[in-house]
PDB file of all heavy atoms in Angstrom:
ATOM      1  N   THR A   1     323.183 110.872  57.500  1.00  0.00           N
ATOM      2  CA  THR A   1     323.222 109.485  57.015  1.00  0.00           C
ATOM      3  C   THR A   1     322.822 109.359  55.548  1.00  0.00           C
ATOM      4  O   THR A   1     322.915 108.276  54.980  1.00  0.00           O
ATOM      5  CB  THR A   1     322.282 108.594  57.851  1.00  0.00           C
ATOM      6  OG1 THR A   1     320.913 108.972  57.603  1.00  0.00           O
ATOM      7  CG2 THR A   1     322.585 108.721  59.338  1.00  0.00           C
ATOM      8  N   VAL A   2     322.384 110.447  54.939  1.00  0.00           N
ATOM      9  CA  VAL A   2     321.913 110.412  53.545  1.00  0.00           C
ATOM     10  C   VAL A   2     323.003 110.966  52.631  1.00  0.00           C
ATOM     11  O   VAL A   2     323.369 112.142  52.714  1.00  0.00           O
ATOM     12  CB  VAL A   2     320.608 111.213  53.379  1.00  0.00           C
ATOM     13  CG1 VAL A   2     320.177 111.227  51.918  1.00  0.00           C
ATOM     14  CG2 VAL A   2     319.517 110.629  54.264  1.00  0.00           C
ATOM     15  N   LYS A   3     323.535 110.124  51.775  1.00  0.00           N
ATOM     16  CA  LYS A   3     324.595 110.521  50.853  1.00  0.00           C
ATOM     17  C   LYS A   3     323.996 110.724  49.459  1.00  0.00           C
ATOM     18  O   LYS A   3     323.405 109.813  48.897  1.00  0.00           O
ATOM     19  CB  LYS A   3     325.694 109.457  50.806  1.00  0.00           C
ATOM     20  CG  LYS A   3     326.271 109.101  52.173  1.00  0.00           C
ATOM     21  CD  LYS A   3     326.829 110.326  52.884  1.00  0.00           C
ATOM     22  CE  LYS A   3     327.363 109.964  54.270  1.00  0.00           C
ATOM     23  NZ  LYS A   3     327.790 111.166  55.017  1.00  0.00           N
ATOM     24  N   ILE A   4     324.131 111.922  48.922  1.00  0.00           N
ATOM     25  CA  ILE A   4     323.583 112.228  47.602  1.00  0.00           C
ATOM     26  C   ILE A   4     324.715 112.366  46.593  1.00  0.00           C
ATOM     27  O   ILE A   4     325.898 112.479  46.962  1.00  0.00           O
ATOM     28  CB  ILE A   4     322.720 113.506  47.637  1.00  0.00           C
ATOM     29  CG1 ILE A   4     323.566 114.724  48.013  1.00  0.00           C
ATOM     30  CG2 ILE A   4     321.560 113.340  48.617  1.00  0.00           C
ATOM     31  CD1 ILE A   4     322.791 116.054  47.959  1.00  0.00           C
ATOM     32  N   LEU A   5     324.356 112.373  45.305  1.00  0.00           N
ATOM     33  CA  LEU A   5     325.360 112.462  44.248  1.00  0.00           C
ATOM     34  C   LEU A   5     325.827 113.887  44.007  1.00  0.00           C
ATOM     35  O   LEU A   5     326.976 114.114  43.630  1.00  0.00           O
ATOM     36  CB  LEU A   5     324.775 111.900  42.937  1.00  0.00           C
ATOM     37  CG  LEU A   5     324.325 110.436  42.962  1.00  0.00           C
ATOM     38  CD1 LEU A   5     323.645 110.080  41.642  1.00  0.00           C
ATOM     39  CD2 LEU A   5     325.505 109.521  43.226  1.00  0.00           C
ATOM     40  N   SER A   6     324.948 114.856  44.216  1.00  0.00           N
ATOM     41  CA  SER A   6     325.230 116.248  43.875  1.00  0.00           C
ATOM     42  C   SER A   6     326.200 116.878  44.871  1.00  0.00           C
ATOM     43  O   SER A   6     326.042 116.736  46.086  1.00  0.00           O
ATOM     44  CB  SER A   6     323.930 117.046  43.841  1.00  0.00           C
ATOM     45  OG  SER A   6     323.002 116.441  42.973  1.00  0.00           O
ATOM     46  N   GLN A   7     327.150 117.596  44.330  1.00  0.00           N
ATOM     47  CA  GLN A   7     328.172 118.241  45.168  1.00  0.00           C
ATOM     48  C   GLN A   7     327.709 119.576  45.732  1.00  0.00           C
ATOM     49  O   GLN A   7     328.179 120.002  46.792  1.00  0.00           O
ATOM     50  CB  GLN A   7     329.453 118.461  44.350  1.00  0.00           C
ATOM     51  CG  GLN A   7     330.077 117.193  43.815  1.00  0.00           C
ATOM     52  CD  GLN A   7     330.559 116.267  44.896  1.00  0.00           C
ATOM     53  OE1 GLN A   7     331.172 116.699  45.883  1.00  0.00           O
ATOM     54  NE2 GLN A   7     330.287 114.977  44.747  1.00  0.00           N
ATOM     55  N   ASN A   8     326.771 120.238  45.053  1.00  0.00           N
ATOM     56  CA  ASN A   8     326.395 121.599  45.433  1.00  0.00           C
ATOM     57  C   ASN A   8     325.054 121.695  46.135  1.00  0.00           C
ATOM     58  O   ASN A   8     324.534 122.800  46.324  1.00  0.00           O
ATOM     59  CB  ASN A   8     326.389 122.494  44.189  1.00  0.00           C
ATOM     60  CG  ASN A   8     327.754 122.567  43.529  1.00  0.00           C
ATOM     61  OD1 ASN A   8     328.765 122.648  44.217  1.00  0.00           O
ATOM     62  ND2 ASN A   8     327.788 122.528  42.204  1.00  0.00           N
ATOM     63  N   ALA A   9     324.470 120.567  46.508  1.00  0.00           N
ATOM     64  CA  ALA A   9     323.199 120.560  47.229  1.00  0.00           C
ATOM     65  C   ALA A   9     323.422 120.095  48.663  1.00  0.00           C
ATOM     66  O   ALA A   9     324.407 119.420  48.963  1.00  0.00           O
ATOM     67  CB  ALA A   9     322.191 119.658  46.532  1.00  0.00           C
ATOM     68  N   THR A  10     322.483 120.455  49.531  1.00  0.00           N
ATOM     69  CA  THR A  10     322.589 120.134  50.951  1.00  0.00           C
ATOM     70  C   THR A  10     321.403 119.277  51.371  1.00  0.00           C
ATOM     71  O   THR A  10     320.290 119.463  50.888  1.00  0.00           O
ATOM     72  CB  THR A  10     322.619 121.422  51.794  1.00  0.00           C
ATOM     73  OG1 THR A  10     323.677 122.259  51.324  1.00  0.00           O
ATOM     74  CG2 THR A  10     322.839 121.111  53.265  1.00  0.00           C
ATOM     75  N   VAL A  11     321.641 118.336  52.281  1.00  0.00           N
ATOM     76  CA  VAL A  11     320.582 117.488  52.821  1.00  0.00           C
ATOM     77  C   VAL A  11     320.103 118.084  54.139  1.00  0.00           C
ATOM     78  O   VAL A  11     320.917 118.401  55.020  1.00  0.00           O
ATOM     79  CB  VAL A  11     321.075 116.047  53.044  1.00  0.00           C
ATOM     80  CG1 VAL A  11     319.945 115.173  53.588  1.00  0.00           C
ATOM     81  CG2 VAL A  11     321.628 115.457  51.756  1.00  0.00           C
ATOM     82  N   TYR A  12     318.783 118.252  54.258  1.00  0.00           N
ATOM     83  CA  TYR A  12     318.175 118.794  55.470  1.00  0.00           C
ATOM     84  C   TYR A  12     317.112 117.824  55.992  1.00  0.00           C
ATOM     85  O   TYR A  12     316.555 117.024  55.238  1.00  0.00           O
ATOM     86  CB  TYR A  12     317.483 120.135  55.179  1.00  0.00           C
ATOM     87  CG  TYR A  12     318.384 121.225  54.669  1.00  0.00           C
ATOM     88  CD1 TYR A  12     318.488 121.486  53.308  1.00  0.00           C
ATOM     89  CD2 TYR A  12     319.107 122.020  55.552  1.00  0.00           C
ATOM     90  CE1 TYR A  12     319.286 122.502  52.831  1.00  0.00           C
ATOM     91  CE2 TYR A  12     319.921 123.044  55.084  1.00  0.00           C
ATOM     92  CZ  TYR A  12     320.013 123.279  53.719  1.00  0.00           C
ATOM     93  OH  TYR A  12     320.810 124.282  53.252  1.00  0.00           O
ATOM     94  N   HIS A  13     316.795 117.944  57.259  1.00  0.00           N
ATOM     95  CA  HIS A  13     315.647 117.209  57.793  1.00  0.00           C
ATOM     96  C   HIS A  13     314.381 117.883  57.286  1.00  0.00           C
ATOM     97  O   HIS A  13     314.328 119.114  57.122  1.00  0.00           O
ATOM     98  CB  HIS A  13     315.665 117.188  59.319  1.00  0.00           C
ATOM     99  CG  HIS A  13     314.710 116.193  59.896  1.00  0.00           C
ATOM    100  ND1 HIS A  13     313.382 116.485  60.151  1.00  0.00           N
ATOM    101  CD2 HIS A  13     314.877 114.884  60.242  1.00  0.00           C
ATOM    102  CE1 HIS A  13     312.781 115.417  60.634  1.00  0.00           C
ATOM    103  NE2 HIS A  13     313.664 114.424  60.695  1.00  0.00           N
ATOM    104  N   ILE A  14     313.354 117.093  57.046  1.00  0.00           N
ATOM    105  CA  ILE A  14     312.126 117.636  56.485  1.00  0.00           C
ATOM    106  C   ILE A  14     311.491 118.683  57.406  1.00  0.00           C
ATOM    107  O   ILE A  14     310.787 119.584  56.934  1.00  0.00           O
ATOM    108  CB  ILE A  14     311.133 116.495  56.151  1.00  0.00           C
ATOM    109  CG1 ILE A  14     310.026 117.016  55.235  1.00  0.00           C
ATOM    110  CG2 ILE A  14     310.599 115.851  57.421  1.00  0.00           C
ATOM    111  CD1 ILE A  14     309.158 115.922  54.648  1.00  0.00           C
ATOM    112  N   ASP A  15     311.746 118.596  58.696  1.00  0.00           N
ATOM    113  CA  ASP A  15     311.189 119.588  59.627  1.00  0.00           C
ATOM    114  C   ASP A  15     311.750 120.984  59.383  1.00  0.00           C
ATOM    115  O   ASP A  15     311.177 121.977  59.844  1.00  0.00           O
ATOM    116  CB  ASP A  15     311.464 119.180  61.074  1.00  0.00           C
ATOM    117  CG  ASP A  15     310.658 117.959  61.505  1.00  0.00           C
ATOM    118  OD1 ASP A  15     309.706 117.594  60.785  1.00  0.00           O
ATOM    119  OD2 ASP A  15     310.990 117.357  62.542  1.00  0.00           O
ATOM    120  N   ASP A  16     312.873 121.077  58.655  1.00  0.00           N
ATOM    121  CA  ASP A  16     313.510 122.377  58.402  1.00  0.00           C
ATOM    122  C   ASP A  16     313.135 122.960  57.044  1.00  0.00           C
ATOM    123  O   ASP A  16     313.730 123.933  56.590  1.00  0.00           O
ATOM    124  CB  ASP A  16     315.041 122.231  58.467  1.00  0.00           C
ATOM    125  CG  ASP A  16     315.518 121.789  59.838  1.00  0.00           C
ATOM    126  OD1 ASP A  16     314.896 122.213  60.838  1.00  0.00           O
ATOM    127  OD2 ASP A  16     316.492 121.017  59.916  1.00  0.00           O
ATOM    128  N   ILE A  17     312.114 122.396  56.405  1.00  0.00           N
ATOM    129  CA  ILE A  17     311.815 122.771  55.020  1.00  0.00           C
ATOM    130  C   ILE A  17     311.414 124.242  54.883  1.00  0.00           C
ATOM    131  O   ILE A  17     311.754 124.903  53.896  1.00  0.00           O
ATOM    132  CB  ILE A  17     310.728 121.838  54.436  1.00  0.00           C
ATOM    133  CG1 ILE A  17     310.683 121.951  52.902  1.00  0.00           C
ATOM    134  CG2 ILE A  17     309.362 122.099  55.048  1.00  0.00           C
ATOM    135  CD1 ILE A  17     309.869 120.847  52.240  1.00  0.00           C
ATOM    136  N   GLN A  18     310.720 124.794  55.889  1.00  0.00           N
ATOM    137  CA  GLN A  18     310.273 126.181  55.761  1.00  0.00           C
ATOM    138  C   GLN A  18     311.428 127.169  55.804  1.00  0.00           C
ATOM    139  O   GLN A  18     311.268 128.323  55.404  1.00  0.00           O
ATOM    140  CB  GLN A  18     309.246 126.504  56.847  1.00  0.00           C
ATOM    141  CG  GLN A  18     307.916 125.790  56.659  1.00  0.00           C
ATOM    142  CD  GLN A  18     306.877 126.232  57.664  1.00  0.00           C
ATOM    143  OE1 GLN A  18     306.756 127.420  57.982  1.00  0.00           O
ATOM    144  NE2 GLN A  18     306.127 125.278  58.185  1.00  0.00           N
ATOM    145  N   ASN A  19     312.600 126.726  56.265  1.00  0.00           N
ATOM    146  CA  ASN A  19     313.771 127.605  56.258  1.00  0.00           C
ATOM    147  C   ASN A  19     314.248 127.910  54.841  1.00  0.00           C
ATOM    148  O   ASN A  19     315.053 128.826  54.637  1.00  0.00           O
ATOM    149  CB  ASN A  19     314.927 126.969  57.043  1.00  0.00           C
ATOM    150  CG  ASN A  19     314.612 126.837  58.525  1.00  0.00           C
ATOM    151  OD1 ASN A  19     313.759 127.553  59.051  1.00  0.00           O
ATOM    152  ND2 ASN A  19     315.291 125.918  59.199  1.00  0.00           N
ATOM    153  N   MET A  20     313.735 127.146  53.857  1.00  0.00           N
ATOM    154  CA  MET A  20     314.171 127.331  52.472  1.00  0.00           C
ATOM    155  C   MET A  20     313.187 128.156  51.653  1.00  0.00           C
ATOM    156  O   MET A  20     313.317 128.255  50.432  1.00  0.00           O
ATOM    157  CB  MET A  20     314.384 125.959  51.812  1.00  0.00           C
ATOM    158  CG  MET A  20     315.472 125.126  52.464  1.00  0.00           C
ATOM    159  SD  MET A  20     317.097 125.935  52.422  1.00  0.00           S
ATOM    160  CE  MET A  20     317.481 125.781  50.670  1.00  0.00           C
ATOM    161  N   ILE A  21     312.196 128.763  52.301  1.00  0.00           N
ATOM    162  CA  ILE A  21     311.274 129.634  51.572  1.00  0.00           C
ATOM    163  C   ILE A  21     312.071 130.774  50.923  1.00  0.00           C
ATOM    164  O   ILE A  21     312.893 131.427  51.560  1.00  0.00           O
ATOM    165  CB  ILE A  21     310.199 130.200  52.520  1.00  0.00           C
ATOM    166  CG1 ILE A  21     309.277 129.074  53.000  1.00  0.00           C
ATOM    167  CG2 ILE A  21     309.380 131.285  51.825  1.00  0.00           C
ATOM    168  CD1 ILE A  21     308.260 129.516  54.049  1.00  0.00           C
ATOM    169  N   GLY A  22     311.838 130.972  49.635  1.00  0.00           N
ATOM    170  CA  GLY A  22     312.569 131.984  48.891  1.00  0.00           C
ATOM    171  C   GLY A  22     313.870 131.496  48.291  1.00  0.00           C
ATOM    172  O   GLY A  22     314.475 132.190  47.467  1.00  0.00           O
ATOM    173  N   LYS A  23     314.296 130.284  48.664  1.00  0.00           N
ATOM    174  CA  LYS A  23     315.551 129.727  48.142  1.00  0.00           C
ATOM    175  C   LYS A  23     315.319 128.564  47.178  1.00  0.00           C
ATOM    176  O   LYS A  23     316.264 128.114  46.528  1.00  0.00           O
ATOM    177  CB  LYS A  23     316.434 129.264  49.304  1.00  0.00           C
ATOM    178  CG  LYS A  23     316.781 130.377  50.282  1.00  0.00           C
ATOM    179  CD  LYS A  23     317.566 129.843  51.471  1.00  0.00           C
ATOM    180  CE  LYS A  23     317.836 130.950  52.485  1.00  0.00           C
ATOM    181  NZ  LYS A  23     318.540 130.452  53.696  1.00  0.00           N
ATOM    182  N   VAL A  24     314.077 128.057  47.129  1.00  0.00           N
ATOM    183  CA  VAL A  24     313.707 126.959  46.238  1.00  0.00           C
ATOM    184  C   VAL A  24     312.493 127.395  45.430  1.00  0.00           C
ATOM    185  O   VAL A  24     311.518 127.894  45.989  1.00  0.00           O
ATOM    186  CB  VAL A  24     313.394 125.672  47.038  1.00  0.00           C
ATOM    187  CG1 VAL A  24     312.762 124.621  46.136  1.00  0.00           C
ATOM    188  CG2 VAL A  24     314.663 125.112  47.687  1.00  0.00           C
ATOM    189  N   ASP A  25     312.546 127.215  44.120  1.00  0.00           N
ATOM    190  CA  ASP A  25     311.430 127.603  43.257  1.00  0.00           C
ATOM    191  C   ASP A  25     310.337 126.540  43.216  1.00  0.00           C
ATOM    192  O   ASP A  25     309.148 126.867  43.229  1.00  0.00           O
ATOM    193  CB  ASP A  25     311.932 127.861  41.831  1.00  0.00           C
ATOM    194  CG  ASP A  25     312.913 129.004  41.765  1.00  0.00           C
ATOM    195  OD1 ASP A  25     312.614 130.078  42.331  1.00  0.00           O
ATOM    196  OD2 ASP A  25     313.984 128.835  41.150  1.00  0.00           O
ATOM    197  N   VAL A  26     310.737 125.260  43.145  1.00  0.00           N
ATOM    198  CA  VAL A  26     309.775 124.161  43.059  1.00  0.00           C
ATOM    199  C   VAL A  26     310.269 122.998  43.903  1.00  0.00           C
ATOM    200  O   VAL A  26     311.433 122.590  43.785  1.00  0.00           O
ATOM    201  CB  VAL A  26     309.576 123.675  41.603  1.00  0.00           C
ATOM    202  CG1 VAL A  26     308.503 122.575  41.549  1.00  0.00           C
ATOM    203  CG2 VAL A  26     309.210 124.818  40.672  1.00  0.00           C
ATOM    204  N   MET A  27     309.378 122.467  44.728  1.00  0.00           N
ATOM    205  CA  MET A  27     309.661 121.252  45.475  1.00  0.00           C
ATOM    206  C   MET A  27     309.085 120.059  44.710  1.00  0.00           C
ATOM    207  O   MET A  27     307.896 120.055  44.358  1.00  0.00           O
ATOM    208  CB  MET A  27     309.031 121.296  46.870  1.00  0.00           C
ATOM    209  CG  MET A  27     309.677 122.271  47.825  1.00  0.00           C
ATOM    210  SD  MET A  27     311.284 121.673  48.390  1.00  0.00           S
ATOM    211  CE  MET A  27     311.680 122.987  49.586  1.00  0.00           C
ATOM    212  N   ILE A  28     309.908 119.047  44.458  1.00  0.00           N
ATOM    213  CA  ILE A  28     309.437 117.807  43.845  1.00  0.00           C
ATOM    214  C   ILE A  28     309.281 116.778  44.962  1.00  0.00           C
ATOM    215  O   ILE A  28     310.257 116.423  45.632  1.00  0.00           O
ATOM    216  CB  ILE A  28     310.395 117.312  42.757  1.00  0.00           C
ATOM    217  CG1 ILE A  28     310.488 118.346  41.632  1.00  0.00           C
ATOM    218  CG2 ILE A  28     309.931 115.966  42.213  1.00  0.00           C
ATOM    219  CD1 ILE A  28     311.405 117.938  40.479  1.00  0.00           C
ATOM    220  N   LEU A  29     308.040 116.315  45.145  1.00  0.00           N
ATOM    221  CA  LEU A  29     307.727 115.441  46.271  1.00  0.00           C
ATOM    222  C   LEU A  29     307.802 113.987  45.824  1.00  0.00           C
ATOM    223  O   LEU A  29     307.092 113.576  44.896  1.00  0.00           O
ATOM    224  CB  LEU A  29     306.336 115.759  46.817  1.00  0.00           C
ATOM    225  CG  LEU A  29     306.060 117.250  47.101  1.00  0.00           C
ATOM    226  CD1 LEU A  29     304.717 117.424  47.778  1.00  0.00           C
ATOM    227  CD2 LEU A  29     307.170 117.856  47.948  1.00  0.00           C
ATOM    228  N   CYS A  30     308.631 113.203  46.497  1.00  0.00           N
ATOM    229  CA  CYS A  30     308.945 111.846  46.055  1.00  0.00           C
ATOM    230  C   CYS A  30     308.493 110.779  47.051  1.00  0.00           C
ATOM    231  O   CYS A  30     309.024 109.670  47.070  1.00  0.00           O
ATOM    232  CB  CYS A  30     310.449 111.720  45.801  1.00  0.00           C
ATOM    233  SG  CYS A  30     311.050 112.845  44.515  1.00  0.00           S
ATOM    234  N   GLY A  31     307.497 111.098  47.865  1.00  0.00           N
ATOM    235  CA  GLY A  31     306.949 110.124  48.799  1.00  0.00           C
ATOM    236  C   GLY A  31     305.935 109.219  48.133  1.00  0.00           C
ATOM    237  O   GLY A  31     305.633 109.340  46.937  1.00  0.00           O
ATOM    238  N   GLY A  32     305.383 108.306  48.926  1.00  0.00           N
ATOM    239  CA  GLY A  32     304.412 107.354  48.416  1.00  0.00           C
ATOM    240  C   GLY A  32     303.008 107.905  48.410  1.00  0.00           C
ATOM    241  O   GLY A  32     302.647 108.768  49.223  1.00  0.00           O
ATOM    242  N   SER A  33     302.175 107.386  47.496  1.00  0.00           N
ATOM    243  CA  SER A  33     300.801 107.869  47.360  1.00  0.00           C
ATOM    244  C   SER A  33     299.898 107.392  48.491  1.00  0.00           C
ATOM    245  O   SER A  33     298.887 108.022  48.789  1.00  0.00           O
ATOM    246  CB  SER A  33     300.225 107.416  46.020  1.00  0.00           C
ATOM    247  OG  SER A  33     300.925 107.998  44.960  1.00  0.00           O
ATOM    248  N   ALA A  34     300.235 106.265  49.098  1.00  0.00           N
ATOM    249  CA  ALA A  34     299.346 105.691  50.107  1.00  0.00           C
ATOM    250  C   ALA A  34     299.318 106.522  51.383  1.00  0.00           C
ATOM    251  O   ALA A  34     298.244 106.865  51.890  1.00  0.00           O
ATOM    252  CB  ALA A  34     299.767 104.256  50.420  1.00  0.00           C
ATOM    253  N   THR A  35     300.496 106.883  51.899  1.00  0.00           N
ATOM    254  CA  THR A  35     300.534 107.544  53.208  1.00  0.00           C
ATOM    255  C   THR A  35     301.263 108.874  53.221  1.00  0.00           C
ATOM    256  O   THR A  35     301.009 109.693  54.109  1.00  0.00           O
ATOM    257  CB  THR A  35     301.211 106.610  54.248  1.00  0.00           C
ATOM    258  OG1 THR A  35     302.526 106.266  53.787  1.00  0.00           O
ATOM    259  CG2 THR A  35     300.401 105.339  54.420  1.00  0.00           C
ATOM    260  N   ASP A  36     302.155 109.140  52.260  1.00  0.00           N
ATOM    261  CA  ASP A  36     302.963 110.365  52.301  1.00  0.00           C
ATOM    262  C   ASP A  36     302.287 111.544  51.604  1.00  0.00           C
ATOM    263  O   ASP A  36     302.036 112.593  52.213  1.00  0.00           O
ATOM    264  CB  ASP A  36     304.337 110.120  51.659  1.00  0.00           C
ATOM    265  CG  ASP A  36     305.176 109.125  52.420  1.00  0.00           C
ATOM    266  OD1 ASP A  36     305.050 109.065  53.652  1.00  0.00           O
ATOM    267  OD2 ASP A  36     305.954 108.398  51.779  1.00  0.00           O
ATOM    268  N   LEU A  37     302.016 111.401  50.318  1.00  0.00           N
ATOM    269  CA  LEU A  37     301.583 112.543  49.509  1.00  0.00           C
ATOM    270  C   LEU A  37     300.243 113.144  49.918  1.00  0.00           C
ATOM    271  O   LEU A  37     300.083 114.373  49.835  1.00  0.00           O
ATOM    272  CB  LEU A  37     301.563 112.154  48.028  1.00  0.00           C
ATOM    273  CG  LEU A  37     302.927 111.762  47.442  1.00  0.00           C
ATOM    274  CD1 LEU A  37     302.790 111.375  45.974  1.00  0.00           C
ATOM    275  CD2 LEU A  37     303.950 112.897  47.594  1.00  0.00           C
ATOM    276  N   PRO A  38     299.260 112.354  50.390  1.00  0.00           N
ATOM    277  CA  PRO A  38     298.005 112.992  50.805  1.00  0.00           C
ATOM    278  C   PRO A  38     298.191 114.044  51.889  1.00  0.00           C
ATOM    279  O   PRO A  38     297.406 114.987  51.984  1.00  0.00           O
ATOM    280  CB  PRO A  38     297.163 111.814  51.317  1.00  0.00           C
ATOM    281  CG  PRO A  38     297.683 110.638  50.562  1.00  0.00           C
ATOM    282  CD  PRO A  38     299.172 110.886  50.446  1.00  0.00           C
ATOM    283  N   HIS A  39     299.231 113.903  52.690  1.00  0.00           N
ATOM    284  CA  HIS A  39     299.504 114.877  53.748  1.00  0.00           C
ATOM    285  C   HIS A  39     300.596 115.866  53.339  1.00  0.00           C
ATOM    286  O   HIS A  39     300.475 117.070  53.559  1.00  0.00           O
ATOM    287  CB  HIS A  39     299.913 114.144  55.035  1.00  0.00           C
ATOM    288  CG  HIS A  39     298.942 113.080  55.450  1.00  0.00           C
ATOM    289  ND1 HIS A  39     297.698 113.370  55.967  1.00  0.00           N
ATOM    290  CD2 HIS A  39     299.019 111.730  55.401  1.00  0.00           C
ATOM    291  CE1 HIS A  39     297.048 112.250  56.231  1.00  0.00           C
ATOM    292  NE2 HIS A  39     297.822 111.237  55.892  1.00  0.00           N
ATOM    293  N   GLN A  40     301.652 115.348  52.719  1.00  0.00           N
ATOM    294  CA  GLN A  40     302.799 116.198  52.402  1.00  0.00           C
ATOM    295  C   GLN A  40     302.493 117.249  51.343  1.00  0.00           C
ATOM    296  O   GLN A  40     302.899 118.409  51.476  1.00  0.00           O
ATOM    297  CB  GLN A  40     303.981 115.344  51.933  1.00  0.00           C
ATOM    298  CG  GLN A  40     304.677 114.577  53.040  1.00  0.00           C
ATOM    299  CD  GLN A  40     305.888 113.817  52.508  1.00  0.00           C
ATOM    300  OE1 GLN A  40     306.118 113.746  51.303  1.00  0.00           O
ATOM    301  NE2 GLN A  40     306.652 113.239  53.417  1.00  0.00           N
ATOM    302  N   THR A  41     301.803 116.856  50.271  1.00  0.00           N
ATOM    303  CA  THR A  41     301.611 117.801  49.171  1.00  0.00           C
ATOM    304  C   THR A  41     300.835 119.038  49.605  1.00  0.00           C
ATOM    305  O   THR A  41     301.293 120.167  49.376  1.00  0.00           O
ATOM    306  CB  THR A  41     300.950 117.120  47.969  1.00  0.00           C
ATOM    307  OG1 THR A  41     301.704 115.961  47.602  1.00  0.00           O
ATOM    308  CG2 THR A  41     300.891 118.070  46.779  1.00  0.00           C
ATOM    309  N   PRO A  42     299.657 118.900  50.241  1.00  0.00           N
ATOM    310  CA  PRO A  42     298.976 120.127  50.686  1.00  0.00           C
ATOM    311  C   PRO A  42     299.758 120.900  51.736  1.00  0.00           C
ATOM    312  O   PRO A  42     299.752 122.138  51.730  1.00  0.00           O
ATOM    313  CB  PRO A  42     297.630 119.629  51.224  1.00  0.00           C
ATOM    314  CG  PRO A  42     297.764 118.171  51.395  1.00  0.00           C
ATOM    315  CD  PRO A  42     298.815 117.700  50.448  1.00  0.00           C
ATOM    316  N   ALA A  43     300.452 120.192  52.642  1.00  0.00           N
ATOM    317  CA  ALA A  43     301.211 120.887  53.685  1.00  0.00           C
ATOM    318  C   ALA A  43     302.330 121.729  53.089  1.00  0.00           C
ATOM    319  O   ALA A  43     302.539 122.890  53.492  1.00  0.00           O
ATOM    320  CB  ALA A  43     301.782 119.865  54.675  1.00  0.00           C
TER     321      ALA A  43
END
């Protein structure tokens, strides 16, 4: 259901993020500071 602009990137569910170890150099986290980032960034 998520349509992105980039032609060469793929959309994944966040639960599958560890499958990309070694394939991504840096993750940019775009969640909110109130409830998302305090948990997502350290995880």
